[in-house]
Amino acid sequence: MATLSEIQAQIKQLQAQEAEIKAKELDAAVQDIVAKMQAFGISVNDLNSLLPAALRGKARAGSAEASADSSKKRSSISSVAAKYRGPNGETWSGRGLTPRWLATLVADGKNKEDFAITA
């Protein structure tokens, strides 16, 4: 039968392995998500508009400091005026990835500047 100290040593070793595996899997998952967002023309703003309000703005679990920092940042950030408007009323500020609706129109041979909002 193993002693308590041997079991505790095994637990520490397994916890270290767990942290290592989690970090690798997290990195792979993030890379997969970013690739899919780029492939489908999805921006972070698109995700925020689709998420339930309860999930928006939450930092990673266990990071109270990060959520406090993000709430401070949010209050000082102003919204950006739209630069482009689509045929169905969609808008885009020109920041971040090109949205799907505009990427589709450009792929169909239209010019992005045809959808620019004139002041």
PDB file of N, CA and C in Angstrom:
ATOM      1  N   MET A   1       0.842  -1.173   0.000  1.00  0.00           N
ATOM      2  CA  MET A   1       0.000   0.000   0.000  1.00  0.00           C
ATOM      3  C   MET A   1       0.892   1.243   0.000  1.00  0.00           C
ATOM      4  N   ALA A   2       0.505   2.258  -0.781  1.00  0.00           N
ATOM      5  CA  ALA A   2       1.277   3.494  -0.895  1.00  0.00           C
ATOM      6  C   ALA A   2       1.081   4.365   0.338  1.00  0.00           C
ATOM      7  N   THR A   3       2.117   5.121   0.647  1.00  0.00           N
ATOM      8  CA  THR A   3       2.018   6.028   1.792  1.00  0.00           C
ATOM      9  C   THR A   3       1.353   7.333   1.353  1.00  0.00           C
ATOM     10  N   LEU A   4       0.956   8.108   2.335  1.00  0.00           N
ATOM     11  CA  LEU A   4       0.296   9.383   2.057  1.00  0.00           C
ATOM     12  C   LEU A   4       1.213  10.305   1.258  1.00  0.00           C
ATOM     13  N   SER A   5       2.468  10.373   1.611  1.00  0.00           N
ATOM     14  CA  SER A   5       3.399  11.262   0.900  1.00  0.00           C
ATOM     15  C   SER A   5       3.602  10.812  -0.549  1.00  0.00           C
ATOM     16  N   GLU A   6       3.596   9.490  -0.790  1.00  0.00           N
ATOM     17  CA  GLU A   6       3.715   8.987  -2.160  1.00  0.00           C
ATOM     18  C   GLU A   6       2.488   9.375  -2.982  1.00  0.00           C
ATOM     19  N   ILE A   7       1.326   9.251  -2.388  1.00  0.00           N
ATOM     20  CA  ILE A   7       0.086   9.616  -3.088  1.00  0.00           C
ATOM     21  C   ILE A   7       0.066  11.118  -3.373  1.00  0.00           C
ATOM     22  N   GLN A   8       0.496  11.924  -2.402  1.00  0.00           N
ATOM     23  CA  GLN A   8       0.535  13.371  -2.609  1.00  0.00           C
ATOM     24  C   GLN A   8       1.514  13.741  -3.722  1.00  0.00           C
ATOM     25  N   ALA A   9       2.632  13.042  -3.802  1.00  0.00           N
ATOM     26  CA  ALA A   9       3.606  13.284  -4.870  1.00  0.00           C
ATOM     27  C   ALA A   9       2.998  12.928  -6.227  1.00  0.00           C
ATOM     28  N   GLN A  10       2.256  11.809  -6.275  1.00  0.00           N
ATOM     29  CA  GLN A  10       1.586  11.419  -7.513  1.00  0.00           C
ATOM     30  C   GLN A  10       0.549  12.464  -7.920  1.00  0.00           C
ATOM     31  N   ILE A  11      -0.188  12.971  -6.944  1.00  0.00           N
ATOM     32  CA  ILE A  11      -1.209  13.987  -7.224  1.00  0.00           C
ATOM     33  C   ILE A  11      -0.557  15.231  -7.824  1.00  0.00           C
ATOM     34  N   LYS A  12       0.559  15.683  -7.236  1.00  0.00           N
ATOM     35  CA  LYS A  12       1.261  16.860  -7.756  1.00  0.00           C
ATOM     36  C   LYS A  12       1.733  16.618  -9.184  1.00  0.00           C
ATOM     37  N   GLN A  13       2.265  15.415  -9.429  1.00  0.00           N
ATOM     38  CA  GLN A  13       2.755  15.079 -10.761  1.00  0.00           C
ATOM     39  C   GLN A  13       1.598  15.077 -11.761  1.00  0.00           C
ATOM     40  N   LEU A  14       0.487  14.482 -11.387  1.00  0.00           N
ATOM     41  CA  LEU A  14      -0.672  14.436 -12.276  1.00  0.00           C
ATOM     42  C   LEU A  14      -1.261  15.827 -12.508  1.00  0.00           C
ATOM     43  N   GLN A  15      -1.259  16.671 -11.489  1.00  0.00           N
ATOM     44  CA  GLN A  15      -1.758  18.032 -11.653  1.00  0.00           C
ATOM     45  C   GLN A  15      -0.868  18.819 -12.614  1.00  0.00           C
ATOM     46  N   ALA A  16       0.440  18.586 -12.544  1.00  0.00           N
ATOM     47  CA  ALA A  16       1.358  19.250 -13.468  1.00  0.00           C
ATOM     48  C   ALA A  16       1.098  18.775 -14.895  1.00  0.00           C
ATOM     49  N   GLN A  17       0.878  17.469 -15.063  1.00  0.00           N
ATOM     50  CA  GLN A  17       0.555  16.927 -16.380  1.00  0.00           C
ATOM     51  C   GLN A  17      -0.759  17.506 -16.892  1.00  0.00           C
ATOM     52  N   GLU A  18      -1.734  17.622 -15.989  1.00  0.00           N
ATOM     53  CA  GLU A  18      -3.030  18.179 -16.368  1.00  0.00           C
ATOM     54  C   GLU A  18      -2.875  19.609 -16.884  1.00  0.00           C
ATOM     55  N   ALA A  19      -2.103  20.422 -16.173  1.00  0.00           N
ATOM     56  CA  ALA A  19      -1.905  21.817 -16.573  1.00  0.00           C
ATOM     57  C   ALA A  19      -1.212  21.899 -17.930  1.00  0.00           C
ATOM     58  N   GLU A  20      -0.236  21.028 -18.154  1.00  0.00           N
ATOM     59  CA  GLU A  20       0.495  21.004 -19.413  1.00  0.00           C
ATOM     60  C   GLU A  20      -0.427  20.617 -20.569  1.00  0.00           C
ATOM     61  N   ILE A  21      -1.216  19.583 -20.378  1.00  0.00           N
ATOM     62  CA  ILE A  21      -2.136  19.117 -21.419  1.00  0.00           C
ATOM     63  C   ILE A  21      -3.203  20.169 -21.695  1.00  0.00           C
ATOM     64  N   LYS A  22      -3.732  20.784 -20.635  1.00  0.00           N
ATOM     65  CA  LYS A  22      -4.744  21.834 -20.802  1.00  0.00           C
ATOM     66  C   LYS A  22      -4.199  22.985 -21.633  1.00  0.00           C
ATOM     67  N   ALA A  23      -2.964  23.392 -21.351  1.00  0.00           N
ATOM     68  CA  ALA A  23      -2.362  24.507 -22.082  1.00  0.00           C
ATOM     69  C   ALA A  23      -2.232  24.169 -23.560  1.00  0.00           C
ATOM     70  N   LYS A  24      -1.788  22.950 -23.872  1.00  0.00           N
ATOM     71  CA  LYS A  24      -1.655  22.530 -25.267  1.00  0.00           C
ATOM     72  C   LYS A  24      -3.018  22.473 -25.948  1.00  0.00           C
ATOM     73  N   GLU A  25      -4.001  21.902 -25.276  1.00  0.00           N
ATOM     74  CA  GLU A  25      -5.332  21.786 -25.864  1.00  0.00           C
ATOM     75  C   GLU A  25      -5.984  23.154 -26.022  1.00  0.00           C
ATOM     76  N   LEU A  26      -5.753  24.052 -25.080  1.00  0.00           N
ATOM     77  CA  LEU A  26      -6.305  25.397 -25.178  1.00  0.00           C
ATOM     78  C   LEU A  26      -5.720  26.111 -26.385  1.00  0.00           C
ATOM     79  N   ASP A  27      -4.410  26.002 -26.563  1.00  0.00           N
ATOM     80  CA  ASP A  27      -3.752  26.639 -27.697  1.00  0.00           C
ATOM     81  C   ASP A  27      -4.319  26.111 -29.011  1.00  0.00           C
ATOM     82  N   ALA A  28      -4.482  24.801 -29.111  1.00  0.00           N
ATOM     83  CA  ALA A  28      -5.033  24.200 -30.327  1.00  0.00           C
ATOM     84  C   ALA A  28      -6.476  24.640 -30.551  1.00  0.00           C
ATOM     85  N   ALA A  29      -7.251  24.713 -29.484  1.00  0.00           N
ATOM     86  CA  ALA A  29      -8.653  25.126 -29.603  1.00  0.00           C
ATOM     87  C   ALA A  29      -8.752  26.574 -30.066  1.00  0.00           C
ATOM     88  N   VAL A  30      -7.912  27.443 -29.510  1.00  0.00           N
ATOM     89  CA  VAL A  30      -7.935  28.853 -29.906  1.00  0.00           C
ATOM     90  C   VAL A  30      -7.537  28.993 -31.371  1.00  0.00           C
ATOM     91  N   GLN A  31      -6.515  28.275 -31.799  1.00  0.00           N
ATOM     92  CA  GLN A  31      -6.096  28.326 -33.200  1.00  0.00           C
ATOM     93  C   GLN A  31      -7.215  27.844 -34.117  1.00  0.00           C
ATOM     94  N   ASP A  32      -7.922  26.799 -33.715  1.00  0.00           N
ATOM     95  CA  ASP A  32      -9.034  26.276 -34.502  1.00  0.00           C
ATOM     96  C   ASP A  32     -10.161  27.303 -34.595  1.00  0.00           C
ATOM     97  N   ILE A  33     -10.473  27.942 -33.483  1.00  0.00           N
ATOM     98  CA  ILE A  33     -11.543  28.944 -33.463  1.00  0.00           C
ATOM     99  C   ILE A  33     -11.179  30.133 -34.349  1.00  0.00           C
ATOM    100  N   VAL A  34      -9.945  30.616 -34.242  1.00  0.00           N
ATOM    101  CA  VAL A  34      -9.511  31.755 -35.051  1.00  0.00           C
ATOM    102  C   VAL A  34      -9.568  31.399 -36.535  1.00  0.00           C
ATOM    103  N   ALA A  35      -9.130  30.200 -36.897  1.00  0.00           N
ATOM    104  CA  ALA A  35      -9.168  29.779 -38.298  1.00  0.00           C
ATOM    105  C   ALA A  35     -10.602  29.735 -38.816  1.00  0.00           C
ATOM    106  N   LYS A  36     -11.516  29.211 -38.016  1.00  0.00           N
ATOM    107  CA  LYS A  36     -12.915  29.150 -38.440  1.00  0.00           C
ATOM    108  C   LYS A  36     -13.524  30.542 -38.535  1.00  0.00           C
ATOM    109  N   MET A  37     -13.171  31.431 -37.611  1.00  0.00           N
ATOM    110  CA  MET A  37     -13.690  32.800 -37.672  1.00  0.00           C
ATOM    111  C   MET A  37     -13.207  33.487 -38.946  1.00  0.00           C
ATOM    112  N   GLN A  38     -11.944  33.286 -39.303  1.00  0.00           N
ATOM    113  CA  GLN A  38     -11.412  33.889 -40.519  1.00  0.00           C
ATOM    114  C   GLN A  38     -12.070  33.287 -41.756  1.00  0.00           C
ATOM    115  N   ALA A  39     -12.275  31.981 -41.761  1.00  0.00           N
ATOM    116  CA  ALA A  39     -12.880  31.315 -42.914  1.00  0.00           C
ATOM    117  C   ALA A  39     -14.302  31.788 -43.170  1.00  0.00           C
ATOM    118  N   PHE A  40     -15.036  32.084 -42.104  1.00  0.00           N
ATOM    119  CA  PHE A  40     -16.428  32.495 -42.243  1.00  0.00           C
ATOM    120  C   PHE A  40     -16.615  34.001 -42.122  1.00  0.00           C
ATOM    121  N   GLY A  41     -15.535  34.754 -41.960  1.00  0.00           N
ATOM    122  CA  GLY A  41     -15.633  36.205 -41.866  1.00  0.00           C
ATOM    123  C   GLY A  41     -16.333  36.683 -40.606  1.00  0.00           C
ATOM    124  N   ILE A  42     -16.133  35.979 -39.518  1.00  0.00           N
ATOM    125  CA  ILE A  42     -16.781  36.329 -38.256  1.00  0.00           C
ATOM    126  C   ILE A  42     -15.816  37.164 -37.421  1.00  0.00           C
ATOM    127  N   SER A  43     -16.296  38.291 -36.916  1.00  0.00           N
ATOM    128  CA  SER A  43     -15.471  39.140 -36.059  1.00  0.00           C
ATOM    129  C   SER A  43     -15.853  38.919 -34.600  1.00  0.00           C
ATOM    130  N   VAL A  44     -15.040  39.439 -33.718  1.00  0.00           N
ATOM    131  CA  VAL A  44     -15.341  39.348 -32.287  1.00  0.00           C
ATOM    132  C   VAL A  44     -16.643  40.084 -31.997  1.00  0.00           C
ATOM    133  N   ASN A  45     -16.873  41.194 -32.695  1.00  0.00           N
ATOM    134  CA  ASN A  45     -18.124  41.936 -32.513  1.00  0.00           C
ATOM    135  C   ASN A  45     -19.324  41.091 -32.915  1.00  0.00           C
ATOM    136  N   ASP A  46     -19.181  40.294 -33.984  1.00  0.00           N
ATOM    137  CA  ASP A  46     -20.268  39.396 -34.391  1.00  0.00           C
ATOM    138  C   ASP A  46     -20.576  38.412 -33.270  1.00  0.00           C
ATOM    139  N   LEU A  47     -19.532  37.863 -32.669  1.00  0.00           N
ATOM    140  CA  LEU A  47     -19.737  36.910 -31.576  1.00  0.00           C
ATOM    141  C   LEU A  47     -20.428  37.574 -30.396  1.00  0.00           C
ATOM    142  N   ASN A  48     -19.975  38.771 -30.036  1.00  0.00           N
ATOM    143  CA  ASN A  48     -20.576  39.470 -28.904  1.00  0.00           C
ATOM    144  C   ASN A  48     -22.049  39.742 -29.134  1.00  0.00           C
ATOM    145  N   SER A  49     -22.420  40.055 -30.372  1.00  0.00           N
ATOM    146  CA  SER A  49     -23.828  40.348 -30.633  1.00  0.00           C
ATOM    147  C   SER A  49     -24.681  39.082 -30.595  1.00  0.00           C
ATOM    148  N   LEU A  50     -24.066  37.925 -30.790  1.00  0.00           N
ATOM    149  CA  LEU A  50     -24.811  36.665 -30.787  1.00  0.00           C
ATOM    150  C   LEU A  50     -24.860  36.002 -29.418  1.00  0.00           C
ATOM    151  N   LEU A  51     -23.929  36.363 -28.538  1.00  0.00           N
ATOM    152  CA  LEU A  51     -23.889  35.742 -27.215  1.00  0.00           C
ATOM    153  C   LEU A  51     -24.987  36.294 -26.320  1.00  0.00           C
ATOM    154  N   PRO A  52     -25.524  35.470 -25.447  1.00  0.00           N
ATOM    155  CA  PRO A  52     -26.477  35.985 -24.461  1.00  0.00           C
ATOM    156  C   PRO A  52     -25.787  37.018 -23.575  1.00  0.00           C
ATOM    157  N   ALA A  53     -26.549  37.967 -23.081  1.00  0.00           N
ATOM    158  CA  ALA A  53     -25.985  39.042 -22.267  1.00  0.00           C
ATOM    159  C   ALA A  53     -25.219  38.505 -21.062  1.00  0.00           C
ATOM    160  N   ALA A  54     -25.653  37.378 -20.524  1.00  0.00           N
ATOM    161  CA  ALA A  54     -24.998  36.806 -19.345  1.00  0.00           C
ATOM    162  C   ALA A  54     -23.564  36.376 -19.645  1.00  0.00           C
ATOM    163  N   LEU A  55     -23.262  36.040 -20.898  1.00  0.00           N
ATOM    164  CA  LEU A  55     -21.919  35.572 -21.242  1.00  0.00           C
ATOM    165  C   LEU A  55     -21.021  36.693 -21.737  1.00  0.00           C
ATOM    166  N   ARG A  56     -21.597  37.818 -22.190  1.00  0.00           N
ATOM    167  CA  ARG A  56     -20.791  38.903 -22.736  1.00  0.00           C
ATOM    168  C   ARG A  56     -19.931  39.539 -21.667  1.00  0.00           C
ATOM    169  N   GLY A  57     -18.685  39.814 -22.014  1.00  0.00           N
ATOM    170  CA  GLY A  57     -17.805  40.545 -21.124  1.00  0.00           C
ATOM    171  C   GLY A  57     -17.200  39.736 -20.004  1.00  0.00           C
ATOM    172  N   LYS A  58     -17.513  38.453 -19.913  1.00  0.00           N
ATOM    173  CA  LYS A  58     -16.912  37.641 -18.852  1.00  0.00           C
ATOM    174  C   LYS A  58     -15.486  37.303 -19.231  1.00  0.00           C
ATOM    175  N   ALA A  59     -14.601  37.429 -18.274  1.00  0.00           N
ATOM    176  CA  ALA A  59     -13.216  37.028 -18.478  1.00  0.00           C
ATOM    177  C   ALA A  59     -13.120  35.531 -18.240  1.00  0.00           C
ATOM    178  N   ARG A  60     -11.951  34.979 -18.459  1.00  0.00           N
ATOM    179  CA  ARG A  60     -11.754  33.555 -18.199  1.00  0.00           C
ATOM    180  C   ARG A  60     -12.076  33.246 -16.757  1.00  0.00           C
ATOM    181  N   ALA A  61     -12.555  32.061 -16.524  1.00  0.00           N
ATOM    182  CA  ALA A  61     -12.926  31.647 -15.166  1.00  0.00           C
ATOM    183  C   ALA A  61     -11.737  31.808 -14.237  1.00  0.00           C
ATOM    184  N   GLY A  62     -12.014  32.334 -13.047  1.00  0.00           N
ATOM    185  CA  GLY A  62     -10.968  32.488 -12.050  1.00  0.00           C
ATOM    186  C   GLY A  62     -10.147  33.743 -12.209  1.00  0.00           C
ATOM    187  N   SER A  63     -10.571  34.650 -13.055  1.00  0.00           N
ATOM    188  CA  SER A  63      -9.800  35.862 -13.273  1.00  0.00           C
ATOM    189  C   SER A  63     -10.634  37.086 -12.940  1.00  0.00           C
ATOM    190  N   ALA A  64     -10.800  37.351 -11.658  1.00  0.00           N
ATOM    191  CA  ALA A  64     -11.592  38.502 -11.215  1.00  0.00           C
ATOM    192  C   ALA A  64     -10.912  39.804 -11.616  1.00  0.00           C
ATOM    193  N   GLU A  65      -9.582  39.813 -11.605  1.00  0.00           N
ATOM    194  CA  GLU A  65      -8.863  41.025 -11.987  1.00  0.00           C
ATOM    195  C   GLU A  65      -9.107  41.355 -13.443  1.00  0.00           C
ATOM    196  N   ALA A  66      -9.105  40.346 -14.299  1.00  0.00           N
ATOM    197  CA  ALA A  66      -9.316  40.578 -15.720  1.00  0.00           C
ATOM    198  C   ALA A  66     -10.703  41.133 -15.977  1.00  0.00           C
ATOM    199  N   SER A  67     -11.707  40.631 -15.259  1.00  0.00           N
ATOM    200  CA  SER A  67     -13.053  41.145 -15.477  1.00  0.00           C
ATOM    201  C   SER A  67     -13.173  42.570 -14.969  1.00  0.00           C
ATOM    202  N   ALA A  68     -12.480  42.914 -13.895  1.00  0.00           N
ATOM    203  CA  ALA A  68     -12.500  44.291 -13.398  1.00  0.00           C
ATOM    204  C   ALA A  68     -11.820  45.214 -14.400  1.00  0.00           C
ATOM    205  N   ASP A  69     -10.700  44.767 -14.975  1.00  0.00           N
ATOM    206  CA  ASP A  69     -10.009  45.572 -15.972  1.00  0.00           C
ATOM    207  C   ASP A  69     -10.857  45.746 -17.216  1.00  0.00           C
ATOM    208  N   SER A  70     -11.520  44.694 -17.661  1.00  0.00           N
ATOM    209  CA  SER A  70     -12.311  44.787 -18.883  1.00  0.00           C
ATOM    210  C   SER A  70     -13.506  45.700 -18.696  1.00  0.00           C
ATOM    211  N   SER A  71     -14.080  45.753 -17.494  1.00  0.00           N
ATOM    212  CA  SER A  71     -15.208  46.651 -17.282  1.00  0.00           C
ATOM    213  C   SER A  71     -14.743  48.101 -17.291  1.00  0.00           C
ATOM    214  N   LYS A  72     -13.529  48.364 -16.813  1.00  0.00           N
ATOM    215  CA  LYS A  72     -12.980  49.717 -16.872  1.00  0.00           C
ATOM    216  C   LYS A  72     -12.748  50.123 -18.322  1.00  0.00           C
ATOM    217  N   LYS A  73     -12.190  49.214 -19.106  1.00  0.00           N
ATOM    218  CA  LYS A  73     -11.910  49.504 -20.502  1.00  0.00           C
ATOM    219  C   LYS A  73     -13.197  49.757 -21.274  1.00  0.00           C
ATOM    220  N   ARG A  74     -14.199  48.955 -21.022  1.00  0.00           N
ATOM    221  CA  ARG A  74     -15.451  49.076 -21.749  1.00  0.00           C
ATOM    222  C   ARG A  74     -16.084  50.448 -21.584  1.00  0.00           C
ATOM    223  N   SER A  75     -15.992  51.015 -20.396  1.00  0.00           N
ATOM    224  CA  SER A  75     -16.638  52.290 -20.153  1.00  0.00           C
ATOM    225  C   SER A  75     -15.935  53.427 -20.877  1.00  0.00           C
ATOM    226  N   SER A  76     -14.646  53.291 -21.184  1.00  0.00           N
ATOM    227  CA  SER A  76     -13.922  54.364 -21.837  1.00  0.00           C
ATOM    228  C   SER A  76     -13.862  54.207 -23.355  1.00  0.00           C
ATOM    229  N   ILE A  77     -14.323  53.098 -23.884  1.00  0.00           N
ATOM    230  CA  ILE A  77     -14.288  52.865 -25.322  1.00  0.00           C
ATOM    231  C   ILE A  77     -15.577  53.382 -25.943  1.00  0.00           C
ATOM    232  N   SER A  78     -15.419  54.224 -26.973  1.00  0.00           N
ATOM    233  CA  SER A  78     -16.614  54.713 -27.651  1.00  0.00           C
ATOM    234  C   SER A  78     -16.856  53.871 -28.897  1.00  0.00           C
ATOM    235  N   SER A  79     -18.088  53.851 -29.355  1.00  0.00           N
ATOM    236  CA  SER A  79     -18.400  53.062 -30.538  1.00  0.00           C
ATOM    237  C   SER A  79     -17.894  53.796 -31.775  1.00  0.00           C
ATOM    238  N   VAL A  80     -17.591  53.037 -32.804  1.00  0.00           N
ATOM    239  CA  VAL A  80     -17.045  53.580 -34.034  1.00  0.00           C
ATOM    240  C   VAL A  80     -18.168  53.685 -35.057  1.00  0.00           C
ATOM    241  N   ALA A  81     -18.191  54.784 -35.772  1.00  0.00           N
ATOM    242  CA  ALA A  81     -19.228  54.989 -36.785  1.00  0.00           C
ATOM    243  C   ALA A  81     -19.040  53.995 -37.926  1.00  0.00           C
ATOM    244  N   ALA A  82     -20.141  53.582 -38.512  1.00  0.00           N
ATOM    245  CA  ALA A  82     -20.101  52.638 -39.627  1.00  0.00           C
ATOM    246  C   ALA A  82     -19.546  53.325 -40.870  1.00  0.00           C
ATOM    247  N   LYS A  83     -18.705  52.620 -41.618  1.00  0.00           N
ATOM    248  CA  LYS A  83     -18.151  53.144 -42.863  1.00  0.00           C
ATOM    249  C   LYS A  83     -18.809  52.510 -44.080  1.00  0.00           C
ATOM    250  N   TYR A  84     -19.381  51.325 -43.899  1.00  0.00           N
ATOM    251  CA  TYR A  84     -19.973  50.602 -45.017  1.00  0.00           C
ATOM    252  C   TYR A  84     -21.375  50.133 -44.648  1.00  0.00           C
ATOM    253  N   ARG A  85     -22.288  50.187 -45.631  1.00  0.00           N
ATOM    254  CA  ARG A  85     -23.651  49.711 -45.414  1.00  0.00           C
ATOM    255  C   ARG A  85     -24.006  48.763 -46.560  1.00  0.00           C
ATOM    256  N   GLY A  86     -24.517  47.595 -46.211  1.00  0.00           N
ATOM    257  CA  GLY A  86     -24.891  46.598 -47.197  1.00  0.00           C
ATOM    258  C   GLY A  86     -26.283  46.827 -47.751  1.00  0.00           C
ATOM    259  N   PRO A  87     -26.650  46.073 -48.772  1.00  0.00           N
ATOM    260  CA  PRO A  87     -27.967  46.234 -49.401  1.00  0.00           C
ATOM    261  C   PRO A  87     -29.128  45.900 -48.464  1.00  0.00           C
ATOM    262  N   ASN A  88     -28.878  45.111 -47.429  1.00  0.00           N
ATOM    263  CA  ASN A  88     -29.941  44.750 -46.487  1.00  0.00           C
ATOM    264  C   ASN A  88     -29.844  45.535 -45.183  1.00  0.00           C
ATOM    265  N   GLY A  89     -29.057  46.618 -45.186  1.00  0.00           N
ATOM    266  CA  GLY A  89     -28.944  47.455 -44.000  1.00  0.00           C
ATOM    267  C   GLY A  89     -27.829  47.059 -43.047  1.00  0.00           C
ATOM    268  N   GLU A  90     -27.036  46.045 -43.375  1.00  0.00           N
ATOM    269  CA  GLU A  90     -25.930  45.645 -42.518  1.00  0.00           C
ATOM    270  C   GLU A  90     -24.892  46.762 -42.514  1.00  0.00           C
ATOM    271  N   THR A  91     -24.188  46.926 -41.415  1.00  0.00           N
ATOM    272  CA  THR A  91     -23.144  47.945 -41.358  1.00  0.00           C
ATOM    273  C   THR A  91     -21.843  47.339 -40.862  1.00  0.00           C
ATOM    274  N   TRP A  92     -20.754  48.024 -41.224  1.00  0.00           N
ATOM    275  CA  TRP A  92     -19.427  47.614 -40.783  1.00  0.00           C
ATOM    276  C   TRP A  92     -18.589  48.866 -40.605  1.00  0.00           C
ATOM    277  N   SER A  93     -17.822  48.912 -39.528  1.00  0.00           N
ATOM    278  CA  SER A  93     -17.007  50.087 -39.217  1.00  0.00           C
ATOM    279  C   SER A  93     -15.717  50.132 -40.032  1.00  0.00           C
ATOM    280  N   GLY A  94     -15.378  49.041 -40.683  1.00  0.00           N
ATOM    281  CA  GLY A  94     -14.124  48.979 -41.418  1.00  0.00           C
ATOM    282  C   GLY A  94     -12.992  48.430 -40.574  1.00  0.00           C
ATOM    283  N   ARG A  95     -13.297  48.107 -39.327  1.00  0.00           N
ATOM    284  CA  ARG A  95     -12.289  47.550 -38.427  1.00  0.00           C
ATOM    285  C   ARG A  95     -12.487  46.050 -38.298  1.00  0.00           C
ATOM    286  N   GLY A  96     -11.399  45.345 -38.063  1.00  0.00           N
ATOM    287  CA  GLY A  96     -11.489  43.894 -37.872  1.00  0.00           C
ATOM    288  C   GLY A  96     -11.641  43.169 -39.198  1.00  0.00           C
ATOM    289  N   LEU A  97     -12.038  41.923 -39.113  1.00  0.00           N
ATOM    290  CA  LEU A  97     -12.217  41.111 -40.312  1.00  0.00           C
ATOM    291  C   LEU A  97     -13.399  41.614 -41.127  1.00  0.00           C
ATOM    292  N   THR A  98     -13.306  41.442 -42.435  1.00  0.00           N
ATOM    293  CA  THR A  98     -14.407  41.821 -43.311  1.00  0.00           C
ATOM    294  C   THR A  98     -15.592  40.907 -43.021  1.00  0.00           C
ATOM    295  N   PRO A  99     -16.781  41.489 -42.820  1.00  0.00           N
ATOM    296  CA  PRO A  99     -17.944  40.649 -42.520  1.00  0.00           C
ATOM    297  C   PRO A  99     -18.352  39.808 -43.724  1.00  0.00           C
ATOM    298  N   ARG A 100     -19.066  38.732 -43.447  1.00  0.00           N
ATOM    299  CA  ARG A 100     -19.482  37.807 -44.496  1.00  0.00           C
ATOM    300  C   ARG A 100     -20.246  38.492 -45.613  1.00  0.00           C
ATOM    301  N   TRP A 101     -21.197  39.361 -45.251  1.00  0.00           N
ATOM    302  CA  TRP A 101     -22.035  39.975 -46.280  1.00  0.00           C
ATOM    303  C   TRP A 101     -21.196  40.772 -47.273  1.00  0.00           C
ATOM    304  N   LEU A 102     -20.152  41.479 -46.794  1.00  0.00           N
ATOM    305  CA  LEU A 102     -19.308  42.271 -47.681  1.00  0.00           C
ATOM    306  C   LEU A 102     -18.332  41.381 -48.448  1.00  0.00           C
ATOM    307  N   ALA A 103     -17.792  40.380 -47.792  1.00  0.00           N
ATOM    308  CA  ALA A 103     -16.872  39.457 -48.468  1.00  0.00           C
ATOM    309  C   ALA A 103     -17.576  38.747 -49.618  1.00  0.00           C
ATOM    310  N   THR A 104     -18.840  38.386 -49.408  1.00  0.00           N
ATOM    311  CA  THR A 104     -19.615  37.720 -50.462  1.00  0.00           C
ATOM    312  C   THR A 104     -19.833  38.659 -51.638  1.00  0.00           C
ATOM    313  N   LEU A 105     -20.182  39.908 -51.353  1.00  0.00           N
ATOM    314  CA  LEU A 105     -20.420  40.881 -52.418  1.00  0.00           C
ATOM    315  C   LEU A 105     -19.142  41.166 -53.203  1.00  0.00           C
ATOM    316  N   VAL A 106     -18.011  41.288 -52.507  1.00  0.00           N
ATOM    317  CA  VAL A 106     -16.734  41.527 -53.175  1.00  0.00           C
ATOM    318  C   VAL A 106     -16.358  40.313 -54.025  1.00  0.00           C
ATOM    319  N   ALA A 107     -16.616  39.113 -53.514  1.00  0.00           N
ATOM    320  CA  ALA A 107     -16.323  37.890 -54.271  1.00  0.00           C
ATOM    321  C   ALA A 107     -17.187  37.809 -55.527  1.00  0.00           C
ATOM    322  N   ASP A 108     -18.374  38.423 -55.477  1.00  0.00           N
ATOM    323  CA  ASP A 108     -19.269  38.433 -56.639  1.00  0.00           C
ATOM    324  C   ASP A 108     -18.897  39.521 -57.641  1.00  0.00           C
ATOM    325  N   GLY A 109     -17.791  40.236 -57.391  1.00  0.00           N
ATOM    326  CA  GLY A 109     -17.308  41.223 -58.340  1.00  0.00           C
ATOM    327  C   GLY A 109     -17.639  42.666 -57.998  1.00  0.00           C
ATOM    328  N   LYS A 110     -18.292  42.908 -56.895  1.00  0.00           N
ATOM    329  CA  LYS A 110     -18.616  44.280 -56.493  1.00  0.00           C
ATOM    330  C   LYS A 110     -17.379  44.904 -55.851  1.00  0.00           C
ATOM    331  N   ASN A 111     -17.350  46.236 -55.834  1.00  0.00           N
ATOM    332  CA  ASN A 111     -16.259  46.965 -55.208  1.00  0.00           C
ATOM    333  C   ASN A 111     -16.671  47.344 -53.797  1.00  0.00           C
ATOM    334  N   LYS A 112     -15.773  47.173 -52.854  1.00  0.00           N
ATOM    335  CA  LYS A 112     -16.075  47.485 -51.456  1.00  0.00           C
ATOM    336  C   LYS A 112     -16.491  48.944 -51.303  1.00  0.00           C
ATOM    337  N   GLU A 113     -15.883  49.826 -52.077  1.00  0.00           N
ATOM    338  CA  GLU A 113     -16.181  51.259 -51.966  1.00  0.00           C
ATOM    339  C   GLU A 113     -17.585  51.598 -52.456  1.00  0.00           C
ATOM    340  N   ASP A 114     -18.215  50.698 -53.214  1.00  0.00           N
ATOM    341  CA  ASP A 114     -19.610  50.925 -53.631  1.00  0.00           C
ATOM    342  C   ASP A 114     -20.540  50.954 -52.426  1.00  0.00           C
ATOM    343  N   PHE A 115     -20.108  50.381 -51.311  1.00  0.00           N
ATOM    344  CA  PHE A 115     -20.944  50.286 -50.122  1.00  0.00           C
ATOM    345  C   PHE A 115     -20.509  51.271 -49.037  1.00  0.00           C
ATOM    346  N   ALA A 116     -19.560  52.159 -49.384  1.00  0.00           N
ATOM    347  CA  ALA A 116     -19.091  53.154 -48.421  1.00  0.00           C
ATOM    348  C   ALA A 116     -20.216  54.129 -48.108  1.00  0.00           C
ATOM    349  N   ILE A 117     -20.329  54.487 -46.843  1.00  0.00           N
ATOM    350  CA  ILE A 117     -21.344  55.453 -46.414  1.00  0.00           C
ATOM    351  C   ILE A 117     -20.754  56.840 -46.606  1.00  0.00           C
ATOM    352  N   THR A 118     -21.433  57.656 -47.398  1.00  0.00           N
ATOM    353  CA  THR A 118     -20.967  59.025 -47.612  1.00  0.00           C
ATOM    354  C   THR A 118     -21.615  59.938 -46.589  1.00  0.00           C
ATOM    355  N   ALA A 119     -20.842  60.879 -46.104  1.00  0.00           N
ATOM    356  CA  ALA A 119     -21.338  61.781 -45.048  1.00  0.00           C
ATOM    357  C   ALA A 119     -22.347  62.704 -45.582  1.00  0.00           C
TER     358      ALA A 119
END
